[in-house]
């Protein structure tokens, strides 16, 4: 397992979307812009939350955006422009390490 220097350190940006189409539109834009090496979009899940004083429940899809820590602000700014939610969830989750060959590939994909 390899730990990368801070500027090349990888992380996930986690987000939720109302449906697969919205998530995939953001995923494609981020990969095409080399802001993400890969985006995993997970099938529908059920979410429960309070929005504007009312408990809401409904399906959402989750996306894990694989990127470098140095690009997180750019990833969030680009995704926010395309995100259909008024207040989208963007959480940065650190990655402690991984296999060197995958991280090398991911680094190449996110070179801007």
N, C-alpha and C. Protein backbone atom coordinates (compact mmCIF):
# COMPACT_ATOMS: atom_id res chain seq x y z
N UNK A 1 0.84 -1.17 0.00
CA UNK A 1 0.00 0.00 0.00
C UNK A 1 0.88 1.24 0.00
N UNK A 2 0.46 2.25 -0.71
CA UNK A 2 1.22 3.47 -0.84
C UNK A 2 0.45 4.65 -0.28
N UNK A 3 1.13 5.51 0.44
CA UNK A 3 0.56 6.77 0.92
C UNK A 3 1.17 7.87 0.07
N UNK A 4 0.36 8.75 -0.46
CA UNK A 4 0.85 9.79 -1.35
C UNK A 4 1.10 11.09 -0.61
N UNK A 5 1.91 11.94 -1.20
CA UNK A 5 2.14 13.27 -0.64
C UNK A 5 0.82 14.05 -0.67
N UNK A 6 0.70 15.07 0.17
CA UNK A 6 -0.55 15.80 0.33
C UNK A 6 -1.13 16.30 -0.98
N UNK A 7 -0.34 16.91 -1.87
CA UNK A 7 -0.89 17.47 -3.10
C UNK A 7 -1.42 16.39 -4.05
N UNK A 8 -0.88 15.19 -3.96
CA UNK A 8 -1.34 14.09 -4.81
C UNK A 8 -2.23 13.11 -4.06
N UNK A 9 -2.52 13.39 -2.79
CA UNK A 9 -3.33 12.50 -1.99
C UNK A 9 -4.72 12.36 -2.61
N UNK A 10 -5.22 11.15 -2.62
CA UNK A 10 -6.52 10.90 -3.21
C UNK A 10 -7.61 10.91 -2.16
N UNK A 11 -8.80 11.23 -2.62
CA UNK A 11 -9.96 11.25 -1.73
C UNK A 11 -11.20 10.94 -2.57
N UNK A 12 -12.28 10.69 -1.86
CA UNK A 12 -13.59 10.59 -2.48
C UNK A 12 -14.33 11.88 -2.20
N UNK A 13 -15.08 12.35 -3.15
CA UNK A 13 -16.10 13.36 -2.88
C UNK A 13 -17.41 12.61 -3.02
N UNK A 14 -18.14 12.53 -1.93
CA UNK A 14 -19.41 11.82 -1.89
C UNK A 14 -20.54 12.81 -2.16
N UNK A 15 -21.49 12.39 -2.98
CA UNK A 15 -22.65 13.23 -3.26
C UNK A 15 -23.86 12.34 -3.50
N UNK A 16 -25.03 12.92 -3.34
CA UNK A 16 -26.27 12.20 -3.66
C UNK A 16 -27.02 12.99 -4.73
N UNK A 17 -27.82 12.26 -5.50
CA UNK A 17 -28.57 12.82 -6.62
C UNK A 17 -29.98 12.24 -6.63
N UNK A 18 -30.91 12.93 -7.28
CA UNK A 18 -32.27 12.42 -7.31
C UNK A 18 -32.45 11.17 -8.19
N UNK A 19 -31.54 11.01 -9.17
CA UNK A 19 -31.66 9.86 -10.07
C UNK A 19 -30.33 9.61 -10.79
N UNK A 20 -30.28 8.49 -11.49
CA UNK A 20 -29.06 8.08 -12.18
C UNK A 20 -28.68 9.06 -13.29
N UNK A 21 -29.65 9.60 -14.00
CA UNK A 21 -29.35 10.52 -15.10
C UNK A 21 -28.61 11.76 -14.59
N UNK A 22 -29.06 12.33 -13.48
CA UNK A 22 -28.40 13.51 -12.91
C UNK A 22 -26.98 13.17 -12.45
N UNK A 23 -26.83 12.03 -11.80
CA UNK A 23 -25.51 11.61 -11.32
C UNK A 23 -24.56 11.36 -12.48
N UNK A 24 -25.03 10.72 -13.52
CA UNK A 24 -24.17 10.41 -14.66
C UNK A 24 -23.79 11.67 -15.45
N UNK A 25 -24.66 12.66 -15.49
CA UNK A 25 -24.31 13.92 -16.16
C UNK A 25 -23.13 14.58 -15.45
N UNK A 26 -23.16 14.59 -14.13
CA UNK A 26 -22.06 15.15 -13.35
C UNK A 26 -20.81 14.28 -13.51
N UNK A 27 -20.98 12.96 -13.44
CA UNK A 27 -19.85 12.04 -13.58
C UNK A 27 -19.12 12.26 -14.91
N UNK A 28 -19.87 12.33 -15.98
CA UNK A 28 -19.25 12.52 -17.30
C UNK A 28 -18.51 13.85 -17.39
N UNK A 29 -19.12 14.90 -16.87
CA UNK A 29 -18.49 16.23 -16.91
C UNK A 29 -17.19 16.24 -16.12
N UNK A 30 -17.16 15.61 -14.96
CA UNK A 30 -15.96 15.61 -14.13
C UNK A 30 -14.84 14.77 -14.74
N UNK A 31 -15.18 13.62 -15.29
CA UNK A 31 -14.16 12.77 -15.93
C UNK A 31 -13.64 13.44 -17.19
N UNK A 32 -14.53 14.01 -17.99
CA UNK A 32 -14.10 14.69 -19.22
C UNK A 32 -13.19 15.88 -18.93
N UNK A 33 -13.43 16.56 -17.80
CA UNK A 33 -12.62 17.72 -17.42
C UNK A 33 -11.35 17.32 -16.66
N UNK A 34 -11.15 16.02 -16.48
CA UNK A 34 -9.99 15.49 -15.74
C UNK A 34 -9.98 15.95 -14.29
N UNK A 35 -11.16 16.21 -13.74
CA UNK A 35 -11.29 16.53 -12.33
C UNK A 35 -11.47 15.27 -11.50
N UNK A 36 -11.88 14.19 -12.15
CA UNK A 36 -12.06 12.91 -11.46
C UNK A 36 -11.47 11.80 -12.32
N UNK A 37 -10.84 10.85 -11.65
CA UNK A 37 -10.32 9.68 -12.36
C UNK A 37 -11.47 8.73 -12.69
N UNK A 38 -12.44 8.66 -11.79
CA UNK A 38 -13.55 7.72 -11.93
C UNK A 38 -14.67 8.19 -11.02
N UNK A 39 -15.90 7.93 -11.40
CA UNK A 39 -17.04 8.21 -10.54
C UNK A 39 -17.89 6.95 -10.48
N UNK A 40 -18.09 6.44 -9.27
CA UNK A 40 -18.96 5.28 -9.07
C UNK A 40 -20.34 5.77 -8.69
N UNK A 41 -21.35 5.38 -9.46
CA UNK A 41 -22.74 5.74 -9.18
C UNK A 41 -23.45 4.48 -8.70
N UNK A 42 -23.98 4.57 -7.49
CA UNK A 42 -24.62 3.41 -6.87
C UNK A 42 -26.12 3.47 -7.10
N UNK A 43 -26.74 2.31 -7.16
CA UNK A 43 -28.18 2.24 -7.45
C UNK A 43 -29.02 2.90 -6.36
N UNK A 44 -30.28 3.04 -6.66
CA UNK A 44 -31.15 3.75 -5.71
C UNK A 44 -31.07 3.21 -4.29
N UNK A 45 -31.11 4.15 -3.38
CA UNK A 45 -31.19 3.88 -1.95
C UNK A 45 -32.33 4.74 -1.42
N UNK A 46 -32.77 4.48 -0.23
CA UNK A 46 -33.81 5.30 0.38
C UNK A 46 -33.17 6.28 1.34
N UNK A 47 -33.52 7.54 1.22
CA UNK A 47 -33.01 8.57 2.11
C UNK A 47 -34.14 9.15 2.94
N UNK A 48 -33.84 9.44 4.20
CA UNK A 48 -34.78 10.10 5.11
C UNK A 48 -34.07 11.33 5.65
N UNK A 49 -34.70 12.48 5.56
CA UNK A 49 -34.09 13.73 6.00
C UNK A 49 -35.18 14.77 6.23
N UNK A 50 -34.82 15.86 6.90
CA UNK A 50 -35.76 16.97 7.09
C UNK A 50 -35.35 18.08 6.13
N UNK A 51 -36.31 18.55 5.33
CA UNK A 51 -36.06 19.64 4.41
C UNK A 51 -37.17 20.67 4.60
N UNK A 52 -36.78 21.88 4.92
CA UNK A 52 -37.70 23.00 5.14
C UNK A 52 -38.79 22.63 6.14
N UNK A 53 -38.36 21.97 7.23
CA UNK A 53 -39.26 21.66 8.34
C UNK A 53 -40.11 20.42 8.18
N UNK A 54 -39.98 19.71 7.07
CA UNK A 54 -40.79 18.52 6.82
C UNK A 54 -39.89 17.31 6.60
N UNK A 55 -40.23 16.20 7.28
CA UNK A 55 -39.48 14.98 7.04
C UNK A 55 -39.81 14.47 5.65
N UNK A 56 -38.77 14.20 4.89
CA UNK A 56 -38.90 13.68 3.53
C UNK A 56 -38.30 12.29 3.47
N UNK A 57 -38.84 11.47 2.60
CA UNK A 57 -38.28 10.15 2.32
C UNK A 57 -38.41 9.89 0.83
N UNK A 58 -37.36 9.34 0.25
CA UNK A 58 -37.44 9.04 -1.16
C UNK A 58 -36.16 8.44 -1.68
N UNK A 59 -36.21 7.97 -2.93
CA UNK A 59 -35.03 7.35 -3.53
C UNK A 59 -34.01 8.40 -3.95
N UNK A 60 -32.75 8.04 -3.83
CA UNK A 60 -31.63 8.83 -4.33
C UNK A 60 -30.58 7.85 -4.83
N UNK A 61 -29.64 8.34 -5.60
CA UNK A 61 -28.46 7.55 -5.95
C UNK A 61 -27.26 8.25 -5.34
N UNK A 62 -26.24 7.47 -5.01
CA UNK A 62 -25.02 8.01 -4.42
C UNK A 62 -23.90 7.95 -5.45
N UNK A 63 -23.02 8.93 -5.38
CA UNK A 63 -21.85 8.95 -6.25
C UNK A 63 -20.60 9.14 -5.41
N UNK A 64 -19.60 8.32 -5.69
CA UNK A 64 -18.27 8.47 -5.10
C UNK A 64 -17.35 8.95 -6.20
N UNK A 65 -16.88 10.16 -6.07
CA UNK A 65 -16.03 10.80 -7.06
C UNK A 65 -14.57 10.64 -6.60
N UNK A 66 -13.77 9.93 -7.38
CA UNK A 66 -12.37 9.68 -7.02
C UNK A 66 -11.51 10.78 -7.63
N UNK A 67 -10.85 11.53 -6.77
CA UNK A 67 -10.06 12.66 -7.23
C UNK A 67 -8.89 12.91 -6.30
N UNK A 68 -8.07 13.88 -6.65
CA UNK A 68 -6.97 14.30 -5.78
C UNK A 68 -7.47 15.39 -4.84
N UNK A 69 -6.95 15.39 -3.64
CA UNK A 69 -7.36 16.37 -2.63
C UNK A 69 -7.20 17.80 -3.16
N UNK A 70 -6.16 18.04 -3.94
CA UNK A 70 -5.91 19.38 -4.48
C UNK A 70 -7.01 19.85 -5.42
N UNK A 71 -7.82 18.93 -5.94
CA UNK A 71 -8.88 19.28 -6.91
C UNK A 71 -10.26 19.35 -6.28
N UNK A 72 -10.38 19.09 -5.00
CA UNK A 72 -11.71 19.00 -4.37
C UNK A 72 -12.54 20.25 -4.58
N UNK A 73 -11.98 21.42 -4.37
CA UNK A 73 -12.75 22.66 -4.55
C UNK A 73 -13.22 22.81 -5.99
N UNK A 74 -12.37 22.46 -6.95
CA UNK A 74 -12.76 22.52 -8.37
C UNK A 74 -13.84 21.50 -8.69
N UNK A 75 -13.73 20.30 -8.12
CA UNK A 75 -14.74 19.26 -8.33
C UNK A 75 -16.10 19.74 -7.82
N UNK A 76 -16.11 20.27 -6.61
CA UNK A 76 -17.38 20.72 -6.02
C UNK A 76 -17.96 21.88 -6.83
N UNK A 77 -17.14 22.82 -7.25
CA UNK A 77 -17.64 23.95 -8.05
C UNK A 77 -18.23 23.48 -9.37
N UNK A 78 -17.55 22.56 -10.05
CA UNK A 78 -18.05 22.05 -11.34
C UNK A 78 -19.32 21.23 -11.16
N UNK A 79 -19.35 20.38 -10.13
CA UNK A 79 -20.52 19.53 -9.89
C UNK A 79 -21.72 20.38 -9.46
N UNK A 80 -21.48 21.39 -8.65
CA UNK A 80 -22.58 22.25 -8.16
C UNK A 80 -23.32 22.91 -9.32
N UNK A 81 -22.60 23.31 -10.37
CA UNK A 81 -23.22 23.96 -11.53
C UNK A 81 -24.23 23.05 -12.21
N UNK A 82 -23.99 21.73 -12.15
CA UNK A 82 -24.86 20.77 -12.83
C UNK A 82 -25.84 20.07 -11.90
N UNK A 83 -25.67 20.23 -10.60
CA UNK A 83 -26.46 19.49 -9.62
C UNK A 83 -27.86 20.05 -9.53
N UNK A 84 -28.89 19.19 -9.55
CA UNK A 84 -30.26 19.69 -9.51
C UNK A 84 -30.75 20.12 -8.13
N UNK A 85 -30.05 19.75 -7.06
CA UNK A 85 -30.50 20.12 -5.72
C UNK A 85 -30.13 21.56 -5.39
N UNK A 86 -30.97 22.22 -4.61
CA UNK A 86 -30.69 23.57 -4.11
C UNK A 86 -29.50 23.55 -3.17
N UNK A 87 -29.46 22.55 -2.30
CA UNK A 87 -28.37 22.40 -1.32
C UNK A 87 -27.80 21.00 -1.45
N UNK A 88 -26.94 20.77 -2.45
CA UNK A 88 -26.40 19.42 -2.65
C UNK A 88 -25.41 19.03 -1.56
N UNK A 89 -25.32 17.73 -1.35
CA UNK A 89 -24.37 17.16 -0.41
C UNK A 89 -23.05 16.94 -1.15
N UNK A 90 -21.97 17.51 -0.62
CA UNK A 90 -20.62 17.22 -1.09
C UNK A 90 -19.77 17.01 0.15
N UNK A 91 -19.30 15.81 0.35
CA UNK A 91 -18.46 15.48 1.50
C UNK A 91 -17.14 14.92 1.01
N UNK A 92 -16.03 15.42 1.52
CA UNK A 92 -14.72 14.92 1.15
C UNK A 92 -14.33 13.83 2.15
N UNK A 93 -14.04 12.65 1.62
CA UNK A 93 -13.66 11.51 2.44
C UNK A 93 -12.23 11.12 2.08
N UNK A 94 -11.29 11.18 3.03
CA UNK A 94 -9.90 10.86 2.71
C UNK A 94 -9.70 9.38 2.40
N UNK A 95 -8.74 9.10 1.57
CA UNK A 95 -8.32 7.74 1.27
C UNK A 95 -6.92 7.59 1.85
N UNK A 96 -6.73 6.64 2.74
CA UNK A 96 -5.46 6.47 3.44
C UNK A 96 -4.36 5.90 2.55
N UNK A 97 -4.71 5.18 1.51
CA UNK A 97 -3.71 4.58 0.64
C UNK A 97 -4.38 3.63 -0.33
N UNK A 98 -3.56 2.89 -1.05
CA UNK A 98 -4.09 1.94 -2.02
C UNK A 98 -2.96 1.34 -2.83
N UNK A 99 -3.32 0.54 -3.82
CA UNK A 99 -2.27 -0.07 -4.63
C UNK A 99 -1.65 0.96 -5.57
N UNK A 100 -0.33 0.93 -5.64
CA UNK A 100 0.44 1.95 -6.35
C UNK A 100 0.07 2.04 -7.83
N UNK A 101 -0.19 0.91 -8.50
CA UNK A 101 -0.51 0.98 -9.92
C UNK A 101 -1.85 1.67 -10.17
N UNK A 102 -2.84 1.43 -9.32
CA UNK A 102 -4.13 2.11 -9.47
C UNK A 102 -3.97 3.61 -9.21
N UNK A 103 -3.27 3.95 -8.13
CA UNK A 103 -3.08 5.36 -7.79
C UNK A 103 -2.28 6.09 -8.87
N UNK A 104 -1.34 5.41 -9.49
CA UNK A 104 -0.59 6.01 -10.59
C UNK A 104 -1.52 6.30 -11.77
N UNK A 105 -2.37 5.32 -12.10
CA UNK A 105 -3.36 5.52 -13.18
C UNK A 105 -4.29 6.69 -12.84
N UNK A 106 -4.78 6.73 -11.61
CA UNK A 106 -5.71 7.78 -11.19
C UNK A 106 -5.03 9.15 -11.25
N UNK A 107 -3.77 9.21 -10.89
CA UNK A 107 -3.02 10.46 -10.94
C UNK A 107 -2.94 10.96 -12.39
N UNK A 108 -2.68 10.05 -13.33
CA UNK A 108 -2.62 10.42 -14.74
C UNK A 108 -3.94 10.95 -15.25
N UNK A 109 -5.05 10.42 -14.74
CA UNK A 109 -6.37 10.83 -15.18
C UNK A 109 -6.77 12.20 -14.65
N UNK A 110 -6.12 12.64 -13.58
CA UNK A 110 -6.51 13.90 -12.96
C UNK A 110 -5.42 14.95 -13.07
N UNK A 111 -4.63 14.87 -14.11
CA UNK A 111 -3.58 15.86 -14.34
C UNK A 111 -4.16 16.94 -15.22
N UNK A 112 -4.16 18.16 -14.71
CA UNK A 112 -4.72 19.28 -15.45
C UNK A 112 -3.65 20.28 -15.76
